[in-house]
PDB file of N, CA and C in Angstrom:
ATOM      1  N   MET A   1      13.072   2.119  12.046  1.00  0.00           N
ATOM      2  CA  MET A   1      13.003   2.142  13.486  1.00  0.00           C
ATOM      3  C   MET A   1      11.624   1.720  13.954  1.00  0.00           C
ATOM      4  N   PRO A   2      11.500   1.050  15.105  1.00  0.00           N
ATOM      5  CA  PRO A   2      10.198   0.617  15.603  1.00  0.00           C
ATOM      6  C   PRO A   2       9.282   1.780  15.936  1.00  0.00           C
ATOM      7  N   GLY A   3       9.810   2.918  16.361  1.00  0.00           N
ATOM      8  CA  GLY A   3       8.985   4.066  16.722  1.00  0.00           C
ATOM      9  C   GLY A   3       8.315   4.716  15.522  1.00  0.00           C
ATOM     10  N   ASP A   4       8.812   4.444  14.310  1.00  0.00           N
ATOM     11  CA  ASP A   4       8.250   5.048  13.106  1.00  0.00           C
ATOM     12  C   ASP A   4       7.127   4.217  12.503  1.00  0.00           C
ATOM     13  N   GLU A   5       6.755   3.120  13.152  1.00  0.00           N
ATOM     14  CA  GLU A   5       5.730   2.229  12.632  1.00  0.00           C
ATOM     15  C   GLU A   5       4.373   2.950  12.580  1.00  0.00           C
ATOM     16  N   VAL A   6       3.605   2.667  11.544  1.00  0.00           N
ATOM     17  CA  VAL A   6       2.288   3.283  11.381  1.00  0.00           C
ATOM     18  C   VAL A   6       1.227   2.198  11.473  1.00  0.00           C
ATOM     19  N   ILE A   7       0.148   2.491  12.197  1.00  0.00           N
ATOM     20  CA  ILE A   7      -0.975   1.577  12.328  1.00  0.00           C
ATOM     21  C   ILE A   7      -2.083   2.090  11.428  1.00  0.00           C
ATOM     22  N   ARG A   8      -2.632   1.217  10.611  1.00  0.00           N
ATOM     23  CA  ARG A   8      -3.762   1.591   9.767  1.00  0.00           C
ATOM     24  C   ARG A   8      -5.010   0.934  10.348  1.00  0.00           C
ATOM     25  N   ILE A   9      -6.035   1.748  10.587  1.00  0.00           N
ATOM     26  CA  ILE A   9      -7.264   1.249  11.186  1.00  0.00           C
ATOM     27  C   ILE A   9      -8.449   1.939  10.517  1.00  0.00           C
ATOM     28  N   MET A  10      -9.527   1.185  10.309  1.00  0.00           N
ATOM     29  CA  MET A  10     -10.709   1.739   9.658  1.00  0.00           C
ATOM     30  C   MET A  10     -11.652   2.322  10.694  1.00  0.00           C
ATOM     31  N   CYS A  11     -12.214   3.468  10.408  1.00  0.00           N
ATOM     32  CA  CYS A  11     -13.199   4.095  11.287  1.00  0.00           C
ATOM     33  C   CYS A  11     -14.418   3.170  11.382  1.00  0.00           C
ATOM     34  N   PRO A  12     -14.877   2.859  12.604  1.00  0.00           N
ATOM     35  CA  PRO A  12     -16.011   1.950  12.764  1.00  0.00           C
ATOM     36  C   PRO A  12     -17.364   2.571  12.420  1.00  0.00           C
ATOM     37  N   ASN A  13     -17.409   3.878  12.209  1.00  0.00           N
ATOM     38  CA  ASN A  13     -18.650   4.551  11.849  1.00  0.00           C
ATOM     39  C   ASN A  13     -19.035   4.125  10.427  1.00  0.00           C
ATOM     40  N   LEU A  14     -20.190   3.477  10.291  1.00  0.00           N
ATOM     41  CA  LEU A  14     -20.596   2.921   8.995  1.00  0.00           C
ATOM     42  C   LEU A  14     -20.792   3.978   7.919  1.00  0.00           C
ATOM     43  N   SER A  15     -21.089   5.200   8.308  1.00  0.00           N
ATOM     44  CA  SER A  15     -21.258   6.247   7.306  1.00  0.00           C
ATOM     45  C   SER A  15     -19.934   6.893   6.918  1.00  0.00           C
ATOM     46  N   CYS A  16     -18.859   6.556   7.605  1.00  0.00           N
ATOM     47  CA  CYS A  16     -17.543   7.139   7.323  1.00  0.00           C
ATOM     48  C   CYS A  16     -16.596   6.086   6.746  1.00  0.00           C
ATOM     49  N   GLN A  17     -16.175   5.135   7.560  1.00  0.00           N
ATOM     50  CA  GLN A  17     -15.261   4.048   7.200  1.00  0.00           C
ATOM     51  C   GLN A  17     -13.963   4.517   6.544  1.00  0.00           C
ATOM     52  N   ARG A  18     -13.464   5.658   6.977  1.00  0.00           N
ATOM     53  CA  ARG A  18     -12.171   6.129   6.497  1.00  0.00           C
ATOM     54  C   ARG A  18     -11.051   5.285   7.076  1.00  0.00           C
ATOM     55  N   VAL A  19      -9.985   5.114   6.341  1.00  0.00           N
ATOM     56  CA  VAL A  19      -8.808   4.407   6.849  1.00  0.00           C
ATOM     57  C   VAL A  19      -7.885   5.458   7.457  1.00  0.00           C
ATOM     58  N   LEU A  20      -7.591   5.263   8.752  1.00  0.00           N
ATOM     59  CA  LEU A  20      -6.751   6.211   9.464  1.00  0.00           C
ATOM     60  C   LEU A  20      -5.352   5.630   9.603  1.00  0.00           C
ATOM     61  N   ALA A  21      -4.345   6.462   9.455  1.00  0.00           N
ATOM     62  CA  ALA A  21      -2.957   6.068   9.676  1.00  0.00           C
ATOM     63  C   ALA A  21      -2.483   6.800  10.923  1.00  0.00           C
ATOM     64  N   VAL A  22      -2.243   6.053  11.999  1.00  0.00           N
ATOM     65  CA  VAL A  22      -1.828   6.658  13.265  1.00  0.00           C
ATOM     66  C   VAL A  22      -0.478   6.070  13.673  1.00  0.00           C
ATOM     67  N   PRO A  23       0.328   6.842  14.398  1.00  0.00           N
ATOM     68  CA  PRO A  23       1.631   6.318  14.820  1.00  0.00           C
ATOM     69  C   PRO A  23       1.481   5.206  15.846  1.00  0.00           C
ATOM     70  N   SER A  24       2.451   4.318  15.911  1.00  0.00           N
ATOM     71  CA  SER A  24       2.387   3.201  16.853  1.00  0.00           C
ATOM     72  C   SER A  24       2.390   3.683  18.299  1.00  0.00           C
ATOM     73  N   SER A  25       2.826   4.898  18.540  1.00  0.00           N
ATOM     74  CA  SER A  25       2.809   5.447  19.898  1.00  0.00           C
ATOM     75  C   SER A  25       1.381   5.688  20.388  1.00  0.00           C
ATOM     76  N   ALA A  26       0.396   5.599  19.497  1.00  0.00           N
ATOM     77  CA  ALA A  26      -1.008   5.806  19.870  1.00  0.00           C
ATOM     78  C   ALA A  26      -1.671   4.531  20.374  1.00  0.00           C
ATOM     79  N   ARG A  27      -0.937   3.411  20.445  1.00  0.00           N
ATOM     80  CA  ARG A  27      -1.526   2.152  20.915  1.00  0.00           C
ATOM     81  C   ARG A  27      -2.117   2.323  22.308  1.00  0.00           C
ATOM     82  N   GLY A  28      -3.366   1.852  22.479  1.00  0.00           N
ATOM     83  CA  GLY A  28      -4.043   1.926  23.762  1.00  0.00           C
ATOM     84  C   GLY A  28      -4.692   3.276  24.041  1.00  0.00           C
ATOM     85  N   LYS A  29      -4.622   4.193  23.099  1.00  0.00           N
ATOM     86  CA  LYS A  29      -5.165   5.538  23.304  1.00  0.00           C
ATOM     87  C   LYS A  29      -6.384   5.772  22.410  1.00  0.00           C
ATOM     88  N   LEU A  30      -7.116   6.837  22.709  1.00  0.00           N
ATOM     89  CA  LEU A  30      -8.244   7.253  21.884  1.00  0.00           C
ATOM     90  C   LEU A  30      -7.765   8.257  20.848  1.00  0.00           C
ATOM     91  N   VAL A  31      -8.212   8.087  19.618  1.00  0.00           N
ATOM     92  CA  VAL A  31      -7.943   9.064  18.568  1.00  0.00           C
ATOM     93  C   VAL A  31      -9.280   9.469  17.963  1.00  0.00           C
ATOM     94  N   ARG A  32      -9.312  10.611  17.337  1.00  0.00           N
ATOM     95  CA  ARG A  32     -10.534  11.098  16.730  1.00  0.00           C
ATOM     96  C   ARG A  32     -10.409  11.031  15.211  1.00  0.00           C
ATOM     97  N   CYS A  33     -11.433  10.472  14.573  1.00  0.00           N
ATOM     98  CA  CYS A  33     -11.471  10.410  13.115  1.00  0.00           C
ATOM     99  C   CYS A  33     -11.674  11.822  12.585  1.00  0.00           C
ATOM    100  N   ARG A  34     -10.842  12.221  11.639  1.00  0.00           N
ATOM    101  CA  ARG A  34     -10.974  13.563  11.060  1.00  0.00           C
ATOM    102  C   ARG A  34     -12.157  13.655  10.112  1.00  0.00           C
ATOM    103  N   GLY A  35     -12.640  12.503   9.645  1.00  0.00           N
ATOM    104  CA  GLY A  35     -13.757  12.509   8.711  1.00  0.00           C
ATOM    105  C   GLY A  35     -15.105  12.735   9.372  1.00  0.00           C
ATOM    106  N   CYS A  36     -15.328  12.066  10.522  1.00  0.00           N
ATOM    107  CA  CYS A  36     -16.647  12.143  11.148  1.00  0.00           C
ATOM    108  C   CYS A  36     -16.601  12.577  12.611  1.00  0.00           C
ATOM    109  N   GLY A  37     -15.424  12.610  13.214  1.00  0.00           N
ATOM    110  CA  GLY A  37     -15.304  13.033  14.606  1.00  0.00           C
ATOM    111  C   GLY A  37     -15.494  11.924  15.628  1.00  0.00           C
ATOM    112  N   SER A  38     -15.664  10.674  15.186  1.00  0.00           N
ATOM    113  CA  SER A  38     -15.834   9.548  16.115  1.00  0.00           C
ATOM    114  C   SER A  38     -14.541   9.286  16.868  1.00  0.00           C
ATOM    115  N   ASN A  39     -14.679   8.901  18.142  1.00  0.00           N
ATOM    116  CA  ASN A  39     -13.522   8.494  18.938  1.00  0.00           C
ATOM    117  C   ASN A  39     -13.273   7.019  18.714  1.00  0.00           C
ATOM    118  N   ILE A  40     -12.017   6.666  18.469  1.00  0.00           N
ATOM    119  CA  ILE A  40     -11.641   5.287  18.176  1.00  0.00           C
ATOM    120  C   ILE A  40     -10.502   4.904  19.104  1.00  0.00           C
ATOM    121  N   ARG A  41     -10.645   3.777  19.813  1.00  0.00           N
ATOM    122  CA  ARG A  41      -9.560   3.278  20.661  1.00  0.00           C
ATOM    123  C   ARG A  41      -8.644   2.414  19.812  1.00  0.00           C
ATOM    124  N   ILE A  42      -7.382   2.774  19.795  1.00  0.00           N
ATOM    125  CA  ILE A  42      -6.388   2.007  19.053  1.00  0.00           C
ATOM    126  C   ILE A  42      -5.997   0.805  19.910  1.00  0.00           C
ATOM    127  N   PRO A  43      -6.039  -0.411  19.361  1.00  0.00           N
ATOM    128  CA  PRO A  43      -5.691  -1.597  20.150  1.00  0.00           C
ATOM    129  C   PRO A  43      -4.290  -1.489  20.741  1.00  0.00           C
ATOM    130  N   ALA A  44      -4.136  -1.966  21.984  1.00  0.00           N
ATOM    131  CA  ALA A  44      -2.846  -1.899  22.667  1.00  0.00           C
ATOM    132  C   ALA A  44      -1.860  -2.908  22.089  1.00  0.00           C
ATOM    133  N   THR A  45      -2.368  -4.008  21.522  1.00  0.00           N
ATOM    134  CA  THR A  45      -1.499  -5.030  20.938  1.00  0.00           C
ATOM    135  C   THR A  45      -1.881  -5.244  19.490  1.00  0.00           C
ATOM    136  N   ARG A  46      -1.009  -5.924  18.772  1.00  0.00           N
ATOM    137  CA  ARG A  46      -1.276  -6.209  17.362  1.00  0.00           C
ATOM    138  C   ARG A  46      -2.418  -7.194  17.233  1.00  0.00           C
ATOM    139  N   ALA A  47      -3.271  -7.001  16.265  1.00  0.00           N
ATOM    140  CA  ALA A  47      -4.420  -7.883  16.048  1.00  0.00           C
ATOM    141  C   ALA A  47      -4.044  -9.137  15.275  1.00  0.00           C
ATOM    142  N   ASP A  48      -2.875  -9.168  14.631  1.00  0.00           N
ATOM    143  CA  ASP A  48      -2.503 -10.315  13.807  1.00  0.00           C
ATOM    144  C   ASP A  48      -1.904 -11.465  14.607  1.00  0.00           C
ATOM    145  N   GLY A  49      -1.872 -11.352  15.941  1.00  0.00           N
ATOM    146  CA  GLY A  49      -1.412 -12.453  16.772  1.00  0.00           C
ATOM    147  C   GLY A  49       0.089 -12.516  16.952  1.00  0.00           C
ATOM    148  N   SER A  50       0.814 -11.506  16.507  1.00  0.00           N
ATOM    149  CA  SER A  50       2.266 -11.550  16.641  1.00  0.00           C
ATOM    150  C   SER A  50       2.740 -10.897  17.932  1.00  0.00           C
ATOM    151  N   SER A  51       1.822 -10.528  18.817  1.00  0.00           N
ATOM    152  CA  SER A  51       2.222  -9.955  20.095  1.00  0.00           C
ATOM    153  C   SER A  51       2.784 -11.049  20.990  1.00  0.00           C
ATOM    154  N   GLN A  52       3.543 -10.682  22.007  1.00  0.00           N
ATOM    155  CA  GLN A  52       4.166 -11.676  22.875  1.00  0.00           C
ATOM    156  C   GLN A  52       3.134 -12.473  23.642  1.00  0.00           C
ATOM    157  N   GLY A  53       2.080 -11.827  24.121  1.00  0.00           N
ATOM    158  CA  GLY A  53       1.056 -12.533  24.877  1.00  0.00           C
ATOM    159  C   GLY A  53       0.395 -13.624  24.056  1.00  0.00           C
ATOM    160  N   ALA A  54       0.091 -13.345  22.826  1.00  0.00           N
ATOM    161  CA  ALA A  54      -0.554 -14.335  21.963  1.00  0.00           C
ATOM    162  C   ALA A  54       0.412 -15.476  21.630  1.00  0.00           C
ATOM    163  N   SER A  55       1.684 -15.153  21.430  1.00  0.00           N
ATOM    164  CA  SER A  55       2.634 -16.206  21.094  1.00  0.00           C
ATOM    165  C   SER A  55       2.908 -17.106  22.290  1.00  0.00           C
ATOM    166  N   GLN A  56       2.882 -16.546  23.495  1.00  0.00           N
ATOM    167  CA  GLN A  56       3.084 -17.372  24.681  1.00  0.00           C
ATOM    168  C   GLN A  56       1.912 -18.310  24.885  1.00  0.00           C
ATOM    169  N   GLN A  57       0.690 -17.851  24.613  1.00  0.00           N
ATOM    170  CA  GLN A  57      -0.469 -18.708  24.734  1.00  0.00           C
ATOM    171  C   GLN A  57      -0.423 -19.825  23.705  1.00  0.00           C
ATOM    172  N   ALA A  58       0.055 -19.533  22.519  1.00  0.00           N
ATOM    173  CA  ALA A  58       0.125 -20.537  21.467  1.00  0.00           C
ATOM    174  C   ALA A  58       1.172 -21.604  21.795  1.00  0.00           C
ATOM    175  N   GLN A  59       2.209 -21.227  22.520  1.00  0.00           N
ATOM    176  CA  GLN A  59       3.267 -22.160  22.851  1.00  0.00           C
ATOM    177  C   GLN A  59       2.939 -23.026  24.069  1.00  0.00           C
ATOM    178  N   ALA A  60       1.927 -22.673  24.836  1.00  0.00           N
ATOM    179  CA  ALA A  60       1.578 -23.437  26.025  1.00  0.00           C
ATOM    180  C   ALA A  60       1.125 -24.830  25.609  1.00  0.00           C
ATOM    181  N   PRO A  61       1.616 -25.856  26.291  1.00  0.00           N
ATOM    182  CA  PRO A  61       1.224 -27.226  25.924  1.00  0.00           C
ATOM    183  C   PRO A  61      -0.271 -27.449  26.202  1.00  0.00           C
ATOM    184  N   GLN A  62      -0.936 -28.143  25.298  1.00  0.00           N
ATOM    185  CA  GLN A  62      -2.333 -28.425  25.457  1.00  0.00           C
ATOM    186  C   GLN A  62      -2.482 -29.815  26.057  1.00  0.00           C
ATOM    187  N   GLN A  63      -3.398 -29.908  27.004  1.00  0.00           N
ATOM    188  CA  GLN A  63      -3.626 -31.185  27.652  1.00  0.00           C
ATOM    189  C   GLN A  63      -4.566 -32.022  26.778  1.00  0.00           C
ATOM    190  N   GLN A  64      -4.219 -33.289  26.620  1.00  0.00           N
ATOM    191  CA  GLN A  64      -5.051 -34.178  25.834  1.00  0.00           C
ATOM    192  C   GLN A  64      -5.768 -35.137  26.767  1.00  0.00           C
ATOM    193  N   LYS A  65      -7.006 -35.416  26.452  1.00  0.00           N
ATOM    194  CA  LYS A  65      -7.768 -36.373  27.243  1.00  0.00           C
ATOM    195  C   LYS A  65      -7.325 -37.777  26.867  1.00  0.00           C
ATOM    196  N   PRO A  66      -7.194 -38.654  27.863  1.00  0.00           N
ATOM    197  CA  PRO A  66      -6.788 -40.033  27.535  1.00  0.00           C
ATOM    198  C   PRO A  66      -7.873 -40.731  26.734  1.00  0.00           C
ATOM    199  N   ALA A  67      -7.436 -41.548  25.800  1.00  0.00           N
ATOM    200  CA  ALA A  67      -8.385 -42.284  24.949  1.00  0.00           C
ATOM    201  C   ALA A  67      -9.122 -43.324  25.792  1.00  0.00           C
ATOM    202  N   ALA A  68     -10.417 -43.412  25.592  1.00  0.00           N
ATOM    203  CA  ALA A  68     -11.219 -44.344  26.399  1.00  0.00           C
ATOM    204  C   ALA A  68     -11.350 -45.693  25.746  1.00  0.00           C
TER     205      ALA A  68
END
């Protein structure tokens, strides 16, 4: 099921760098690292470019300059 998806994200604190597994329902929210207590914002969209917004931008026709 899509609701059971897990997001894996690394803590940005250089002294911690724990890999956190958070549910997909946490997208766009702040979570706290259990290792160091840092607050981490979970991205609202997928970083791999498979979100709808990124795919629509990729499909937009690109304008080419006429050859001189």
